[in-house]
Amino acid sequence: WVVGVVVDGTWLGNVKSDDVNGRGEYMGTVRGRIGFL
């Protein structure tokens, strides 16, 4: 078993919609992780 925590930031500038001219700017998460080996 492995447990942990991770913080990330993601640029979403290319995730966009043509119909309403909408787009993502950025996304961030703070997450726990639990894993099996």
All heavy atoms as atom14 arrays in JSON, in Angstrom:
{
  "sequence": "WVVGVVVDGTWLGNVKSDDVNGRGEYMGTVRGRIGFL",
  "atom14_mask": [
    [1, 1, 1, 1, 1, 1, 1, 1, 1, 1, 1, 1, 1, 1],
    [1, 1, 1, 1, 1, 1, 1, 0, 0, 0, 0, 0, 0, 0],
    [1, 1, 1, 1, 1, 1, 1, 0, 0, 0, 0, 0, 0, 0],
    [1, 1, 1, 1, 0, 0, 0, 0, 0, 0, 0, 0, 0, 0],
    [1, 1, 1, 1, 1, 1, 1, 0, 0, 0, 0, 0, 0, 0],
    [1, 1, 1, 1, 1, 1, 1, 0, 0, 0, 0, 0, 0, 0],
    [1, 1, 1, 1, 1, 1, 1, 0, 0, 0, 0, 0, 0, 0],
    [1, 1, 1, 1, 1, 1, 1, 1, 0, 0, 0, 0, 0, 0],
    [1, 1, 1, 1, 0, 0, 0, 0, 0, 0, 0, 0, 0, 0],
    [1, 1, 1, 1, 1, 1, 1, 0, 0, 0, 0, 0, 0, 0],
    [1, 1, 1, 1, 1, 1, 1, 1, 1, 1, 1, 1, 1, 1],
    [1, 1, 1, 1, 1, 1, 1, 1, 0, 0, 0, 0, 0, 0],
    [1, 1, 1, 1, 0, 0, 0, 0, 0, 0, 0, 0, 0, 0],
    [1, 1, 1, 1, 1, 1, 1, 1, 0, 0, 0, 0, 0, 0],
    [1, 1, 1, 1, 1, 1, 1, 0, 0, 0, 0, 0, 0, 0],
    [1, 1, 1, 1, 1, 1, 1, 1, 1, 0, 0, 0, 0, 0],
    [1, 1, 1, 1, 1, 1, 0, 0, 0, 0, 0, 0, 0, 0],
    [1, 1, 1, 1, 1, 1, 1, 1, 0, 0, 0, 0, 0, 0],
    [1, 1, 1, 1, 1, 1, 1, 1, 0, 0, 0, 0, 0, 0],
    [1, 1, 1, 1, 1, 1, 1, 0, 0, 0, 0, 0, 0, 0],
    [1, 1, 1, 1, 1, 1, 1, 1, 0, 0, 0, 0, 0, 0],
    [1, 1, 1, 1, 0, 0, 0, 0, 0, 0, 0, 0, 0, 0],
    [1, 1, 1, 1, 1, 1, 1, 1, 1, 1, 1, 0, 0, 0],
    [1, 1, 1, 1, 0, 0, 0, 0, 0, 0, 0, 0, 0, 0],
    [1, 1, 1, 1, 1, 1, 1, 1, 1, 0, 0, 0, 0, 0],
    [1, 1, 1, 1, 1, 1, 1, 1, 1, 1, 1, 1, 0, 0],
    [1, 1, 1, 1, 1, 1, 1, 1, 0, 0, 0, 0, 0, 0],
    [1, 1, 1, 1, 0, 0, 0, 0, 0, 0, 0, 0, 0, 0],
    [1, 1, 1, 1, 1, 1, 1, 0, 0, 0, 0, 0, 0, 0],
    [1, 1, 1, 1, 1, 1, 1, 0, 0, 0, 0, 0, 0, 0],
    [1, 1, 1, 1, 1, 1, 1, 1, 1, 1, 1, 0, 0, 0],
    [1, 1, 1, 1, 0, 0, 0, 0, 0, 0, 0, 0, 0, 0],
    [1, 1, 1, 1, 1, 1, 1, 1, 1, 1, 1, 0, 0, 0],
    [1, 1, 1, 1, 1, 1, 1, 1, 0, 0, 0, 0, 0, 0],
    [1, 1, 1, 1, 0, 0, 0, 0, 0, 0, 0, 0, 0, 0],
    [1, 1, 1, 1, 1, 1, 1, 1, 1, 1, 1, 0, 0, 0],
    [1, 1, 1, 1, 1, 1, 1, 1, 0, 0, 0, 0, 0, 0]
  ],
  "atom14_positions": [
    [[0.81, -1.21, 0.0], [0.0, 0.0, 0.0], [0.85, 1.27, 0.0], [1.89, 1.33, 0.65], [-0.94, 0.02, 1.2], [-1.92, -1.11, 1.17], [-1.85, -2.29, 1.85], [-3.12, -1.18, 0.39], [-2.9, -3.1, 1.56], [-3.71, -2.45, 0.66], [-3.74, -0.32, -0.51], [-4.9, -2.84, 0.06], [-4.93, -0.72, -1.11], [-5.5, -1.96, -0.82]],
    [[0.37, 2.26, -0.73], [0.98, 3.6, -0.76], [-0.15, 4.62, -0.59], [-1.2, 4.51, -1.24], [1.71, 3.86, -2.09], [2.19, 5.31, -2.18], [2.9, 2.92, -2.24], [0.0, 0.0, 0.0], [0.0, 0.0, 0.0], [0.0, 0.0, 0.0], [0.0, 0.0, 0.0], [0.0, 0.0, 0.0], [0.0, 0.0, 0.0], [0.0, 0.0, 0.0]],
    [[0.05, 5.59, 0.29], [-0.92, 6.67, 0.46], [-0.19, 8.0, 0.28], [1.03, 8.08, 0.47], [-1.6, 6.62, 1.85], [-2.45, 5.38, 1.99], [-0.57, 6.68, 2.96], [0.0, 0.0, 0.0], [0.0, 0.0, 0.0], [0.0, 0.0, 0.0], [0.0, 0.0, 0.0], [0.0, 0.0, 0.0], [0.0, 0.0, 0.0], [0.0, 0.0, 0.0]],
    [[-0.93, 9.04, -0.09], [-0.27, 10.32, -0.31], [-1.24, 11.44, -0.59], [-2.47, 11.26, -0.57], [0.0, 0.0, 0.0], [0.0, 0.0, 0.0], [0.0, 0.0, 0.0], [0.0, 0.0, 0.0], [0.0, 0.0, 0.0], [0.0, 0.0, 0.0], [0.0, 0.0, 0.0], [0.0, 0.0, 0.0], [0.0, 0.0, 0.0], [0.0, 0.0, 0.0]],
    [[-0.69, 12.59, -0.86], [-1.47, 13.78, -1.21], [-0.78, 14.47, -2.38], [0.46, 14.44, -2.48], [-1.59, 14.72, 0.01], [-0.23, 15.22, 0.45], [-2.5, 15.9, -0.29], [0.0, 0.0, 0.0], [0.0, 0.0, 0.0], [0.0, 0.0, 0.0], [0.0, 0.0, 0.0], [0.0, 0.0, 0.0], [0.0, 0.0, 0.0], [0.0, 0.0, 0.0]],
    [[-1.57, 15.07, -3.27], [-1.02, 15.74, -4.45], [-1.78, 17.04, -4.69], [-3.0, 17.11, -4.49], [-1.09, 14.81, -5.69], [-2.51, 14.37, -5.98], [-0.47, 15.49, -6.9], [0.0, 0.0, 0.0], [0.0, 0.0, 0.0], [0.0, 0.0, 0.0], [0.0, 0.0, 0.0], [0.0, 0.0, 0.0], [0.0, 0.0, 0.0], [0.0, 0.0, 0.0]],
    [[-1.05, 18.06, -5.1], [-1.62, 19.36, -5.48], [-1.19, 19.64, -6.92], [-0.01, 19.51, -7.24], [-1.11, 20.49, -4.56], [-1.7, 21.83, -4.98], [-1.45, 20.19, -3.1], [0.0, 0.0, 0.0], [0.0, 0.0, 0.0], [0.0, 0.0, 0.0], [0.0, 0.0, 0.0], [0.0, 0.0, 0.0], [0.0, 0.0, 0.0], [0.0, 0.0, 0.0]],
    [[-2.14, 19.99, -7.77], [-1.77, 20.24, -9.17], [-2.46, 21.48, -9.72], [-3.47, 21.95, -9.19], [-2.06, 19.03, -10.06], [-3.53, 18.69, -10.15], [-4.35, 19.6, -10.26], [-3.87, 17.49, -10.13], [0.0, 0.0, 0.0], [0.0, 0.0, 0.0], [0.0, 0.0, 0.0], [0.0, 0.0, 0.0], [0.0, 0.0, 0.0], [0.0, 0.0, 0.0]],
    [[-1.87, 22.02, -10.78], [-2.45, 23.13, -11.51], [-2.37, 22.84, -12.99], [-1.33, 22.36, -13.48], [0.0, 0.0, 0.0], [0.0, 0.0, 0.0], [0.0, 0.0, 0.0], [0.0, 0.0, 0.0], [0.0, 0.0, 0.0], [0.0, 0.0, 0.0], [0.0, 0.0, 0.0], [0.0, 0.0, 0.0], [0.0, 0.0, 0.0], [0.0, 0.0, 0.0]],
    [[-3.45, 23.09, -13.72], [-3.53, 22.73, -15.14], [-4.03, 23.91, -15.97], [-5.05, 24.53, -15.62], [-4.47, 21.52, -15.34], [-4.03, 20.44, -14.52], [-4.48, 21.08, -16.79], [0.0, 0.0, 0.0], [0.0, 0.0, 0.0], [0.0, 0.0, 0.0], [0.0, 0.0, 0.0], [0.0, 0.0, 0.0], [0.0, 0.0, 0.0], [0.0, 0.0, 0.0]],
    [[-3.33, 24.21, -17.03], [-3.76, 25.24, -17.97], [-4.78, 24.64, -18.92], [-4.56, 23.6, -19.55], [-2.55, 25.73, -18.77], [-2.9, 26.66, -19.88], [-3.28, 27.97, -19.79], [-2.9, 26.35, -21.29], [-3.52, 28.5, -21.03], [-3.29, 27.53, -21.97], [-2.6, 25.2, -22.01], [-3.39, 27.58, -23.36], [-2.7, 25.25, -23.4], [-3.09, 26.43, -24.06]],
    [[-5.96, 25.28, -19.01], [-7.06, 24.79, -19.85], [-7.32, 25.69, -21.05], [-8.39, 25.64, -21.64], [-8.35, 24.7, -19.02], [-8.34, 23.8, -17.77], [-9.67, 23.92, -17.04], [-8.06, 22.35, -18.15], [0.0, 0.0, 0.0], [0.0, 0.0, 0.0], [0.0, 0.0, 0.0], [0.0, 0.0, 0.0], [0.0, 0.0, 0.0], [0.0, 0.0, 0.0]],
    [[-6.36, 26.51, -21.4], [-6.59, 27.52, -22.43], [-7.01, 26.98, -23.77], [-7.61, 27.7, -24.57], [0.0, 0.0, 0.0], [0.0, 0.0, 0.0], [0.0, 0.0, 0.0], [0.0, 0.0, 0.0], [0.0, 0.0, 0.0], [0.0, 0.0, 0.0], [0.0, 0.0, 0.0], [0.0, 0.0, 0.0], [0.0, 0.0, 0.0], [0.0, 0.0, 0.0]],
    [[-6.71, 25.72, -24.04], [-7.1, 25.15, -25.33], [-8.38, 24.32, -25.25], [-8.83, 23.77, -26.24], [-5.95, 24.28, -25.88], [-6.05, 24.06, -27.37], [-6.29, 25.0, -28.11], [-5.91, 22.82, -27.81], [0.0, 0.0, 0.0], [0.0, 0.0, 0.0], [0.0, 0.0, 0.0], [0.0, 0.0, 0.0], [0.0, 0.0, 0.0], [0.0, 0.0, 0.0]],
    [[-8.95, 24.2, -24.03], [-10.22, 23.5, -23.86], [-11.32, 24.54, -24.06], [-11.64, 25.32, -23.17], [-10.32, 22.86, -22.46], [-11.65, 22.14, -22.29], [-9.16, 21.89, -22.24], [0.0, 0.0, 0.0], [0.0, 0.0, 0.0], [0.0, 0.0, 0.0], [0.0, 0.0, 0.0], [0.0, 0.0, 0.0], [0.0, 0.0, 0.0], [0.0, 0.0, 0.0]],
    [[-11.91, 24.56, -25.27], [-12.83, 25.64, -25.58], [-14.01, 25.14, -26.4], [-14.0, 24.04, -26.95], [-12.11, 26.75, -26.33], [-11.32, 26.31, -27.54], [-10.47, 27.46, -28.05], [-9.59, 27.0, -29.2], [-8.74, 28.1, -29.69], [0.0, 0.0, 0.0], [0.0, 0.0, 0.0], [0.0, 0.0, 0.0], [0.0, 0.0, 0.0], [0.0, 0.0, 0.0]],
    [[-15.02, 25.99, -26.44], [-16.26, 25.7, -27.14], [-16.46, 26.75, -28.22], [-16.36, 27.95, -27.97], [-17.41, 25.71, -26.13], [-18.62, 25.96, -26.74], [0.0, 0.0, 0.0], [0.0, 0.0, 0.0], [0.0, 0.0, 0.0], [0.0, 0.0, 0.0], [0.0, 0.0, 0.0], [0.0, 0.0, 0.0], [0.0, 0.0, 0.0], [0.0, 0.0, 0.0]],
    [[-16.77, 26.3, -29.44], [-16.95, 27.24, -30.55], [-18.34, 27.86, -30.58], [-18.52, 28.97, -31.07], [-16.68, 26.53, -31.89], [-15.22, 26.11, -32.01], [-14.36, 26.82, -31.44], [-14.95, 25.1, -32.67], [0.0, 0.0, 0.0], [0.0, 0.0, 0.0], [0.0, 0.0, 0.0], [0.0, 0.0, 0.0], [0.0, 0.0, 0.0], [0.0, 0.0, 0.0]],
    [[-19.34, 27.15, -30.03], [-20.7, 27.63, -30.21], [-21.0, 28.88, -29.37], [-21.76, 29.75, -29.79], [-21.71, 26.52, -29.91], [-21.47, 25.86, -28.57], [-20.46, 26.2, -27.92], [-22.28, 25.01, -28.17], [0.0, 0.0, 0.0], [0.0, 0.0, 0.0], [0.0, 0.0, 0.0], [0.0, 0.0, 0.0], [0.0, 0.0, 0.0], [0.0, 0.0, 0.0]],
    [[-20.43, 28.97, -28.15], [-20.69, 30.15, -27.32], [-19.39, 30.91, -27.03], [-19.35, 31.77, -26.16], [-21.37, 29.76, -26.0], [-22.74, 29.21, -26.25], [-20.51, 28.78, -25.22], [0.0, 0.0, 0.0], [0.0, 0.0, 0.0], [0.0, 0.0, 0.0], [0.0, 0.0, 0.0], [0.0, 0.0, 0.0], [0.0, 0.0, 0.0], [0.0, 0.0, 0.0]],
    [[-18.33, 30.61, -27.77], [-17.05, 31.27, -27.57], [-16.59, 31.2, -26.11], [-16.16, 32.19, -25.51], [-17.12, 32.72, -28.03], [-15.74, 33.31, -28.27], [-14.78, 32.57, -28.48], [-15.63, 34.62, -28.22], [0.0, 0.0, 0.0], [0.0, 0.0, 0.0], [0.0, 0.0, 0.0], [0.0, 0.0, 0.0], [0.0, 0.0, 0.0], [0.0, 0.0, 0.0]],
    [[-16.73, 30.01, -25.53], [-16.31, 29.8, -24.15], [-15.04, 28.98, -24.09], [-14.73, 28.2, -25.0], [0.0, 0.0, 0.0], [0.0, 0.0, 0.0], [0.0, 0.0, 0.0], [0.0, 0.0, 0.0], [0.0, 0.0, 0.0], [0.0, 0.0, 0.0], [0.0, 0.0, 0.0], [0.0, 0.0, 0.0], [0.0, 0.0, 0.0], [0.0, 0.0, 0.0]],
    [[-14.3, 29.14, -23.01], [-13.06, 28.38, -22.86], [-12.72, 28.24, -21.39], [-13.13, 29.04, -20.55], [-11.9, 29.05, -23.59], [-11.53, 30.41, -23.05], [-10.54, 31.12, -23.94], [-9.31, 30.35, -24.13], [-8.46, 30.57, -25.13], [-8.72, 31.5, -26.02], [-7.36, 29.87, -25.23], [0.0, 0.0, 0.0], [0.0, 0.0, 0.0], [0.0, 0.0, 0.0]],
    [[-11.93, 27.22, -21.08], [-11.39, 27.07, -19.75], [-10.11, 27.88, -19.62], [-9.36, 28.03, -20.6], [0.0, 0.0, 0.0], [0.0, 0.0, 0.0], [0.0, 0.0, 0.0], [0.0, 0.0, 0.0], [0.0, 0.0, 0.0], [0.0, 0.0, 0.0], [0.0, 0.0, 0.0], [0.0, 0.0, 0.0], [0.0, 0.0, 0.0], [0.0, 0.0, 0.0]],
    [[-9.86, 28.42, -18.46], [-8.63, 29.16, -18.2], [-7.62, 28.29, -17.44], [-6.5, 28.1, -17.88], [-8.94, 30.43, -17.42], [-9.85, 31.41, -18.16], [-9.17, 32.07, -19.34], [-7.93, 32.07, -19.39], [-9.89, 32.58, -20.22], [0.0, 0.0, 0.0], [0.0, 0.0, 0.0], [0.0, 0.0, 0.0], [0.0, 0.0, 0.0], [0.0, 0.0, 0.0]],
    [[-8.03, 27.8, -16.29], [-7.16, 26.92, -15.51], [-8.0, 26.05, -14.59], [-9.18, 26.32, -14.34], [-6.13, 27.72, -14.71], [-6.74, 28.69, -13.71], [-7.23, 28.24, -12.48], [-6.8, 30.05, -13.98], [-7.79, 29.12, -11.57], [-7.35, 30.93, -13.08], [-7.83, 30.46, -11.86], [-8.39, 31.33, -10.96], [0.0, 0.0, 0.0], [0.0, 0.0, 0.0]],
    [[-7.38, 25.02, -14.07], [-8.01, 24.11, -13.12], [-6.97, 23.7, -12.09], [-5.8, 23.49, -12.42], [-8.55, 22.87, -13.83], [-9.04, 21.76, -12.92], [-9.59, 20.3, -13.87], [-9.85, 19.11, -12.56], [0.0, 0.0, 0.0], [0.0, 0.0, 0.0], [0.0, 0.0, 0.0], [0.0, 0.0, 0.0], [0.0, 0.0, 0.0], [0.0, 0.0, 0.0]],
    [[-7.36, 23.61, -10.83], [-6.47, 23.15, -9.77], [-7.17, 22.14, -8.89], [-8.4, 22.19, -8.71], [0.0, 0.0, 0.0], [0.0, 0.0, 0.0], [0.0, 0.0, 0.0], [0.0, 0.0, 0.0], [0.0, 0.0, 0.0], [0.0, 0.0, 0.0], [0.0, 0.0, 0.0], [0.0, 0.0, 0.0], [0.0, 0.0, 0.0], [0.0, 0.0, 0.0]],
    [[-6.43, 21.2, -8.35], [-7.01, 20.2, -7.44], [-6.08, 19.98, -6.24], [-4.86, 20.17, -6.34], [-7.24, 18.84, -8.14], [-5.98, 18.16, -8.33], [-7.95, 19.0, -9.46], [0.0, 0.0, 0.0], [0.0, 0.0, 0.0], [0.0, 0.0, 0.0], [0.0, 0.0, 0.0], [0.0, 0.0, 0.0], [0.0, 0.0, 0.0], [0.0, 0.0, 0.0]],
    [[-6.69, 19.6, -5.14], [-5.97, 19.1, -3.96], [-6.59, 17.74, -3.65], [-7.78, 17.66, -3.31], [-6.12, 20.05, -2.75], [-5.4, 19.48, -1.54], [-5.6, 21.43, -3.09], [0.0, 0.0, 0.0], [0.0, 0.0, 0.0], [0.0, 0.0, 0.0], [0.0, 0.0, 0.0], [0.0, 0.0, 0.0], [0.0, 0.0, 0.0], [0.0, 0.0, 0.0]],
    [[-5.8, 16.67, -3.78], [-6.37, 15.33, -3.72], [-5.57, 14.4, -2.81], [-4.36, 14.54, -2.65], [-6.38, 14.7, -5.13], [-7.28, 15.4, -6.12], [-7.17, 14.8, -7.51], [-5.94, 15.21, -8.19], [-5.0, 14.39, -8.62], [-5.11, 13.08, -8.41], [-3.94, 14.86, -9.24], [0.0, 0.0, 0.0], [0.0, 0.0, 0.0], [0.0, 0.0, 0.0]],
    [[-6.28, 13.45, -2.25], [-5.63, 12.33, -1.6], [-5.49, 11.18, -2.58], [-6.26, 11.08, -3.55], [0.0, 0.0, 0.0], [0.0, 0.0, 0.0], [0.0, 0.0, 0.0], [0.0, 0.0, 0.0], [0.0, 0.0, 0.0], [0.0, 0.0, 0.0], [0.0, 0.0, 0.0], [0.0, 0.0, 0.0], [0.0, 0.0, 0.0], [0.0, 0.0, 0.0]],
    [[-4.5, 10.32, -2.34], [-4.31, 9.14, -3.19], [-4.1, 7.92, -2.3], [-3.45, 7.99, -1.26], [-3.08, 9.27, -4.1], [-3.14, 10.35, -5.12], [-2.18, 10.09, -6.3], [-0.87, 9.62, -5.9], [0.05, 9.15, -6.75], [-0.23, 9.06, -8.04], [1.23, 8.78, -6.33], [0.0, 0.0, 0.0], [0.0, 0.0, 0.0], [0.0, 0.0, 0.0]],
    [[-4.66, 6.8, -2.71], [-4.36, 5.52, -2.07], [-4.15, 4.5, -3.17], [-4.94, 4.43, -4.13], [-5.47, 5.09, -1.09], [-5.1, 3.76, -0.43], [-6.84, 5.02, -1.78], [-5.98, 3.4, 0.74], [0.0, 0.0, 0.0], [0.0, 0.0, 0.0], [0.0, 0.0, 0.0], [0.0, 0.0, 0.0], [0.0, 0.0, 0.0], [0.0, 0.0, 0.0]],
    [[-3.04, 3.76, -3.07], [-2.69, 2.86, -4.16], [-2.29, 1.48, -3.68], [-1.86, 1.29, -2.54], [0.0, 0.0, 0.0], [0.0, 0.0, 0.0], [0.0, 0.0, 0.0], [0.0, 0.0, 0.0], [0.0, 0.0, 0.0], [0.0, 0.0, 0.0], [0.0, 0.0, 0.0], [0.0, 0.0, 0.0], [0.0, 0.0, 0.0], [0.0, 0.0, 0.0]],
    [[-2.41, 0.52, -4.58], [-2.06, -0.88, -4.33], [-0.89, -1.25, -5.23], [-0.83, -0.85, -6.39], [-3.25, -1.79, -4.63], [-2.95, -3.25, -4.51], [-2.76, -3.83, -3.27], [-2.84, -4.03, -5.65], [-2.47, -5.19, -3.16], [-2.55, -5.39, -5.55], [-2.37, -5.96, -4.3], [0.0, 0.0, 0.0], [0.0, 0.0, 0.0], [0.0, 0.0, 0.0]],
    [[0.05, -2.02, -4.68], [1.26, -2.42, -5.41], [1.2, -3.91, -5.76], [1.63, -4.76, -4.97], [2.51, -2.15, -4.56], [2.86, -0.69, -4.27], [3.93, -0.61, -3.2], [3.32, 0.01, -5.54], [0.0, 0.0, 0.0], [0.0, 0.0, 0.0], [0.0, 0.0, 0.0], [0.0, 0.0, 0.0], [0.0, 0.0, 0.0], [0.0, 0.0, 0.0]]
  ]
}
